[in-house]
Amino acid sequence: MRTKLMCVLMILAVLATGCTPGAADGGNVADRIREHYAALTEADYRATLRTDFGDRVLDFTVEYAQKPDGGHMKVTAPEIIAGIEANLAPNGVTLQYDGAVLELGALPGTGLSPMESLPFIIGQWAKGYVTQTGSEKRAGRTLLMLTTRVTQGSIPLDTATWFDEETLKPVNAELSVNGLLSVSAFFED
């Protein structure tokens, strides 16, 4: 009886301090990912984005070059919109296509357009408020998972990203706006 009581007290002590199995690992997951992406000043990504507008879903593939002062994105598929380019800077987005330039600026509500969602997700890896970490097995490999939350006005923007355990390269990511999955990103090597 005394042994059982000691076991129960030890479990309660562990739970009270927040040191549940995997909690220390969760901190390490977040630290590894944050440190890795905070150190990157330039990086190149290729991803297929699925954007859900509620009444329609659009898929497009982009190449994104992250730079210290913003970034450059080019749509590569589908063919009907391939060639559209966007320059992303802190003061807004400039779209270019076939010599024409369109100034967009920030969008109302979340302030994000589909073209801005990928840089937003990437920015969360180094700077976002971490709400959860973990790991899971998919297709025979271990992926690390990081979720973050930012609130713009009263609208929560949640990101969840899965990374290769060894290289920390992103595999896929999701952006939810106000609890609704809005953008899914599927990264290519």
C-alpha atoms as a PDB file:
ATOM      1  CA  MET A   1       0.000   0.000   0.000  1.00  0.00           C
ATOM      2  CA  ARG A   2       2.798   2.363   0.934  1.00  0.00           C
ATOM      3  CA  THR A   3       4.555   1.704  -2.408  1.00  0.00           C
ATOM      4  CA  LYS A   4       1.381   2.516  -4.317  1.00  0.00           C
ATOM      5  CA  LEU A   5       0.969   5.750  -2.371  1.00  0.00           C
ATOM      6  CA  MET A   6       4.577   6.756  -3.158  1.00  0.00           C
ATOM      7  CA  CYS A   7       4.019   6.040  -6.871  1.00  0.00           C
ATOM      8  CA  VAL A   8       0.870   8.166  -6.913  1.00  0.00           C
ATOM      9  CA  LEU A   9       2.672  11.025  -5.116  1.00  0.00           C
ATOM     10  CA  MET A  10       5.579  10.852  -7.579  1.00  0.00           C
ATOM     11  CA  ILE A  11       3.209  10.977 -10.566  1.00  0.00           C
ATOM     12  CA  LEU A  12       1.383  13.964  -9.051  1.00  0.00           C
ATOM     13  CA  ALA A  13       4.691  15.743  -8.428  1.00  0.00           C
ATOM     14  CA  VAL A  14       5.774  15.191 -12.034  1.00  0.00           C
ATOM     15  CA  LEU A  15       2.444  16.453 -13.353  1.00  0.00           C
ATOM     16  CA  ALA A  16       2.485  19.490 -11.044  1.00  0.00           C
ATOM     17  CA  THR A  17       5.911  20.570 -12.309  1.00  0.00           C
ATOM     18  CA  GLY A  18       4.980  20.115 -15.947  1.00  0.00           C
ATOM     19  CA  CYS A  19       7.709  17.563 -16.513  1.00  0.00           C
ATOM     20  CA  THR A  20       5.652  15.020 -18.322  1.00  0.00           C
ATOM     21  CA  PRO A  21       7.417  12.552 -20.559  1.00  0.00           C
ATOM     22  CA  GLY A  22       8.386  14.339 -23.743  1.00  0.00           C
ATOM     23  CA  ALA A  23       8.031  17.877 -22.283  1.00  0.00           C
ATOM     24  CA  ALA A  24      11.796  18.310 -22.149  1.00  0.00           C
ATOM     25  CA  ASP A  25      12.037  16.934 -25.682  1.00  0.00           C
ATOM     26  CA  GLY A  26       9.337  19.398 -26.790  1.00  0.00           C
ATOM     27  CA  GLY A  27      11.482  22.297 -25.624  1.00  0.00           C
ATOM     28  CA  ASN A  28      14.425  20.863 -27.509  1.00  0.00           C
ATOM     29  CA  VAL A  29      12.333  20.478 -30.666  1.00  0.00           C
ATOM     30  CA  ALA A  30      11.259  24.119 -30.523  1.00  0.00           C
ATOM     31  CA  ASP A  31      14.780  25.304 -29.691  1.00  0.00           C
ATOM     32  CA  ARG A  32      16.370  23.304 -32.528  1.00  0.00           C
ATOM     33  CA  ILE A  33      13.883  24.582 -35.101  1.00  0.00           C
ATOM     34  CA  ARG A  34      13.926  28.200 -33.878  1.00  0.00           C
ATOM     35  CA  GLU A  35      17.726  28.375 -33.750  1.00  0.00           C
ATOM     36  CA  HIS A  36      18.078  26.788 -37.182  1.00  0.00           C
ATOM     37  CA  TYR A  37      15.640  29.145 -38.923  1.00  0.00           C
ATOM     38  CA  ALA A  38      16.675  32.260 -36.978  1.00  0.00           C
ATOM     39  CA  ALA A  39      20.221  31.742 -38.296  1.00  0.00           C
ATOM     40  CA  LEU A  40      19.075  31.531 -41.944  1.00  0.00           C
ATOM     41  CA  THR A  41      19.172  34.916 -43.635  1.00  0.00           C
ATOM     42  CA  GLU A  42      18.617  33.485 -47.112  1.00  0.00           C
ATOM     43  CA  ALA A  43      16.904  30.282 -48.181  1.00  0.00           C
ATOM     44  CA  ASP A  44      15.100  28.822 -51.192  1.00  0.00           C
ATOM     45  CA  TYR A  45      11.858  26.849 -51.011  1.00  0.00           C
ATOM     46  CA  ARG A  46       9.630  25.139 -53.539  1.00  0.00           C
ATOM     47  CA  ALA A  47       6.126  24.294 -52.368  1.00  0.00           C
ATOM     48  CA  THR A  48       2.642  23.528 -53.582  1.00  0.00           C
ATOM     49  CA  LEU A  49       0.093  25.683 -51.779  1.00  0.00           C
ATOM     50  CA  ARG A  50      -3.549  24.713 -51.379  1.00  0.00           C
ATOM     51  CA  THR A  51      -5.612  27.757 -50.443  1.00  0.00           C
ATOM     52  CA  ASP A  52      -9.168  27.246 -49.191  1.00  0.00           C
ATOM     53  CA  PHE A  53     -11.397  30.282 -49.634  1.00  0.00           C
ATOM     54  CA  GLY A  54     -14.474  28.468 -48.318  1.00  0.00           C
ATOM     55  CA  ASP A  55     -16.327  28.468 -51.637  1.00  0.00           C
ATOM     56  CA  ARG A  56     -13.360  27.303 -53.730  1.00  0.00           C
ATOM     57  CA  VAL A  57      -9.933  25.705 -53.345  1.00  0.00           C
ATOM     58  CA  LEU A  58      -6.915  26.771 -55.408  1.00  0.00           C
ATOM     59  CA  ASP A  59      -3.658  24.856 -55.820  1.00  0.00           C
ATOM     60  CA  PHE A  60      -0.511  26.498 -57.123  1.00  0.00           C
ATOM     61  CA  THR A  61       3.205  25.750 -56.984  1.00  0.00           C
ATOM     62  CA  VAL A  62       5.709  28.452 -56.102  1.00  0.00           C
ATOM     63  CA  GLU A  63       9.418  29.003 -55.805  1.00  0.00           C
ATOM     64  CA  TYR A  64      10.258  31.334 -52.925  1.00  0.00           C
ATOM     65  CA  ALA A  65      13.641  32.948 -52.295  1.00  0.00           C
ATOM     66  CA  GLN A  66      13.848  34.355 -48.782  1.00  0.00           C
ATOM     67  CA  LYS A  67      16.119  37.383 -48.413  1.00  0.00           C
ATOM     68  CA  PRO A  68      16.972  39.564 -45.376  1.00  0.00           C
ATOM     69  CA  ASP A  69      14.822  42.428 -46.678  1.00  0.00           C
ATOM     70  CA  GLY A  70      11.842  40.331 -47.835  1.00  0.00           C
ATOM     71  CA  GLY A  71      11.660  37.790 -50.571  1.00  0.00           C
ATOM     72  CA  HIS A  72      10.812  36.929 -54.141  1.00  0.00           C
ATOM     73  CA  MET A  73       8.159  34.432 -55.188  1.00  0.00           C
ATOM     74  CA  LYS A  74       7.380  33.000 -58.607  1.00  0.00           C
ATOM     75  CA  VAL A  75       4.368  30.875 -59.523  1.00  0.00           C
ATOM     76  CA  THR A  76       5.450  27.843 -61.571  1.00  0.00           C
ATOM     77  CA  ALA A  77       2.118  25.962 -61.851  1.00  0.00           C
ATOM     78  CA  PRO A  78      -0.612  25.721 -62.990  1.00  0.00           C
ATOM     79  CA  GLU A  79       0.367  26.867 -66.443  1.00  0.00           C
ATOM     80  CA  ILE A  80      -2.439  29.433 -66.701  1.00  0.00           C
ATOM     81  CA  ILE A  81      -0.856  31.559 -63.928  1.00  0.00           C
ATOM     82  CA  ALA A  82       2.775  30.428 -64.237  1.00  0.00           C
ATOM     83  CA  GLY A  83       5.140  33.362 -64.441  1.00  0.00           C
ATOM     84  CA  ILE A  84       3.365  35.603 -61.943  1.00  0.00           C
ATOM     85  CA  GLU A  85       6.007  36.977 -59.612  1.00  0.00           C
ATOM     86  CA  ALA A  86       5.719  38.720 -56.282  1.00  0.00           C
ATOM     87  CA  ASN A  87       8.216  40.810 -54.386  1.00  0.00           C
ATOM     88  CA  LEU A  88       7.474  40.710 -50.682  1.00  0.00           C
ATOM     89  CA  ALA A  89       8.694  43.492 -48.426  1.00  0.00           C
ATOM     90  CA  PRO A  90       7.657  44.792 -45.005  1.00  0.00           C
ATOM     91  CA  ASN A  91       5.585  47.541 -46.684  1.00  0.00           C
ATOM     92  CA  GLY A  92       3.519  45.166 -48.855  1.00  0.00           C
ATOM     93  CA  VAL A  93       3.481  42.956 -51.915  1.00  0.00           C
ATOM     94  CA  THR A  94       4.162  43.886 -55.527  1.00  0.00           C
ATOM     95  CA  LEU A  95       2.845  41.492 -58.185  1.00  0.00           C
ATOM     96  CA  GLN A  96       4.443  41.369 -61.645  1.00  0.00           C
ATOM     97  CA  TYR A  97       3.368  39.572 -64.788  1.00  0.00           C
ATOM     98  CA  ASP A  98       4.508  40.039 -68.368  1.00  0.00           C
ATOM     99  CA  GLY A  99       5.904  43.516 -67.717  1.00  0.00           C
ATOM    100  CA  ALA A 100       2.886  44.821 -65.755  1.00  0.00           C
ATOM    101  CA  VAL A 101       3.264  45.765 -62.082  1.00  0.00           C
ATOM    102  CA  LEU A 102       0.443  45.884 -59.544  1.00  0.00           C
ATOM    103  CA  GLU A 103       0.886  47.352 -56.057  1.00  0.00           C
ATOM    104  CA  LEU A 104      -1.269  45.527 -53.510  1.00  0.00           C
ATOM    105  CA  GLY A 105      -0.200  46.585 -50.024  1.00  0.00           C
ATOM    106  CA  ALA A 106      -1.561  44.856 -46.935  1.00  0.00           C
ATOM    107  CA  LEU A 107      -4.952  43.172 -47.090  1.00  0.00           C
ATOM    108  CA  PRO A 108      -7.659  43.939 -44.508  1.00  0.00           C
ATOM    109  CA  GLY A 109      -8.571  41.360 -41.853  1.00  0.00           C
ATOM    110  CA  THR A 110      -5.540  39.105 -41.475  1.00  0.00           C
ATOM    111  CA  GLY A 111      -3.323  41.277 -43.644  1.00  0.00           C
ATOM    112  CA  LEU A 112      -2.279  38.188 -45.622  1.00  0.00           C
ATOM    113  CA  SER A 113      -2.834  37.217 -49.228  1.00  0.00           C
ATOM    114  CA  PRO A 114      -2.256  33.659 -50.494  1.00  0.00           C
ATOM    115  CA  MET A 115       1.133  34.831 -51.823  1.00  0.00           C
ATOM    116  CA  GLU A 116       2.071  36.098 -48.357  1.00  0.00           C
ATOM    117  CA  SER A 117       0.980  32.965 -46.506  1.00  0.00           C
ATOM    118  CA  LEU A 118       4.176  31.001 -47.237  1.00  0.00           C
ATOM    119  CA  PRO A 119       6.568  33.718 -45.985  1.00  0.00           C
ATOM    120  CA  PHE A 120       4.292  34.170 -42.957  1.00  0.00           C
ATOM    121  CA  ILE A 121       4.482  30.448 -42.125  1.00  0.00           C
ATOM    122  CA  ILE A 122       8.272  30.415 -42.595  1.00  0.00           C
ATOM    123  CA  GLY A 123       8.628  33.457 -40.325  1.00  0.00           C
ATOM    124  CA  GLN A 124       6.791  31.643 -37.544  1.00  0.00           C
ATOM    125  CA  TRP A 125       9.485  28.960 -37.364  1.00  0.00           C
ATOM    126  CA  ALA A 126      11.988  31.431 -35.911  1.00  0.00           C
ATOM    127  CA  LYS A 127       9.753  34.001 -34.204  1.00  0.00           C
ATOM    128  CA  GLY A 128       6.279  32.602 -33.554  1.00  0.00           C
ATOM    129  CA  TYR A 129       4.791  31.957 -30.130  1.00  0.00           C
ATOM    130  CA  VAL A 130       5.170  28.184 -29.769  1.00  0.00           C
ATOM    131  CA  THR A 131       2.004  26.456 -28.573  1.00  0.00           C
ATOM    132  CA  GLN A 132       2.947  22.803 -29.136  1.00  0.00           C
ATOM    133  CA  THR A 133       5.792  20.554 -30.246  1.00  0.00           C
ATOM    134  CA  GLY A 134       6.114  16.855 -30.838  1.00  0.00           C
ATOM    135  CA  SER A 135       7.154  14.142 -33.226  1.00  0.00           C
ATOM    136  CA  GLU A 136       5.356  11.551 -35.285  1.00  0.00           C
ATOM    137  CA  LYS A 137       6.117   8.771 -37.719  1.00  0.00           C
ATOM    138  CA  ARG A 138       4.961   9.200 -41.324  1.00  0.00           C
ATOM    139  CA  ALA A 139       5.876   6.926 -44.193  1.00  0.00           C
ATOM    140  CA  GLY A 140       8.612   5.277 -42.131  1.00  0.00           C
ATOM    141  CA  ARG A 141      10.375   8.452 -41.025  1.00  0.00           C
ATOM    142  CA  THR A 142      10.206  10.641 -37.948  1.00  0.00           C
ATOM    143  CA  LEU A 143       8.939  14.188 -38.373  1.00  0.00           C
ATOM    144  CA  LEU A 144       9.182  16.950 -35.813  1.00  0.00           C
ATOM    145  CA  MET A 145       6.083  19.128 -35.394  1.00  0.00           C
ATOM    146  CA  LEU A 146       5.923  22.764 -34.305  1.00  0.00           C
ATOM    147  CA  THR A 147       2.751  24.806 -33.856  1.00  0.00           C
ATOM    148  CA  THR A 148       2.599  28.552 -33.284  1.00  0.00           C
ATOM    149  CA  ARG A 149      -0.079  31.187 -32.734  1.00  0.00           C
ATOM    150  CA  VAL A 150      -0.272  34.883 -33.555  1.00  0.00           C
ATOM    151  CA  THR A 151      -3.335  37.019 -32.976  1.00  0.00           C
ATOM    152  CA  GLN A 152      -4.037  39.882 -35.387  1.00  0.00           C
ATOM    153  CA  GLY A 153      -6.766  42.003 -33.903  1.00  0.00           C
ATOM    154  CA  SER A 154      -8.995  39.316 -32.429  1.00  0.00           C
ATOM    155  CA  ILE A 155      -8.269  36.754 -35.178  1.00  0.00           C
ATOM    156  CA  PRO A 156      -5.963  33.855 -34.220  1.00  0.00           C
ATOM    157  CA  LEU A 157      -3.543  32.658 -36.911  1.00  0.00           C
ATOM    158  CA  ASP A 158      -2.225  29.182 -36.092  1.00  0.00           C
ATOM    159  CA  THR A 159       0.551  27.429 -37.982  1.00  0.00           C
ATOM    160  CA  ALA A 160       1.527  23.772 -37.758  1.00  0.00           C
ATOM    161  CA  THR A 161       4.655  22.574 -39.551  1.00  0.00           C
ATOM    162  CA  TRP A 162       6.245  19.141 -39.832  1.00  0.00           C
ATOM    163  CA  PHE A 163      10.031  18.978 -40.337  1.00  0.00           C
ATOM    164  CA  ASP A 164      12.431  16.187 -41.251  1.00  0.00           C
ATOM    165  CA  GLU A 165      14.010  15.120 -37.954  1.00  0.00           C
ATOM    166  CA  GLU A 166      17.569  15.029 -39.319  1.00  0.00           C
ATOM    167  CA  THR A 167      17.765  17.987 -41.703  1.00  0.00           C
ATOM    168  CA  LEU A 168      15.002  20.198 -40.215  1.00  0.00           C
ATOM    169  CA  LYS A 169      13.752  20.809 -43.760  1.00  0.00           C
ATOM    170  CA  PRO A 170      10.018  21.486 -43.846  1.00  0.00           C
ATOM    171  CA  VAL A 171       7.830  18.675 -45.186  1.00  0.00           C
ATOM    172  CA  ASN A 172       4.413  20.283 -44.927  1.00  0.00           C
ATOM    173  CA  ALA A 173       2.693  23.117 -43.087  1.00  0.00           C
ATOM    174  CA  GLU A 174      -0.785  24.404 -42.370  1.00  0.00           C
ATOM    175  CA  LEU A 175      -2.143  27.866 -41.644  1.00  0.00           C
ATOM    176  CA  SER A 176      -5.483  28.117 -39.877  1.00  0.00           C
ATOM    177  CA  VAL A 177      -7.316  31.431 -39.621  1.00  0.00           C
ATOM    178  CA  ASN A 178      -9.788  31.693 -36.772  1.00  0.00           C
ATOM    179  CA  GLY A 179      -9.765  27.891 -36.416  1.00  0.00           C
ATOM    180  CA  LEU A 180     -10.387  27.136 -40.105  1.00  0.00           C
ATOM    181  CA  LEU A 181      -7.672  25.511 -42.228  1.00  0.00           C
ATOM    182  CA  SER A 182      -6.941  28.114 -44.894  1.00  0.00           C
ATOM    183  CA  VAL A 183      -3.581  27.190 -46.443  1.00  0.00           C
ATOM    184  CA  SER A 184      -1.697  23.894 -46.716  1.00  0.00           C
ATOM    185  CA  ALA A 185       1.883  23.898 -47.964  1.00  0.00           C
ATOM    186  CA  PHE A 186       3.622  20.795 -49.310  1.00  0.00           C
ATOM    187  CA  PHE A 187       7.376  21.342 -49.607  1.00  0.00           C
ATOM    188  CA  GLU A 188       9.653  19.734 -52.191  1.00  0.00           C
ATOM    189  CA  ASP A 189      13.307  18.855 -51.535  1.00  0.00           C
END
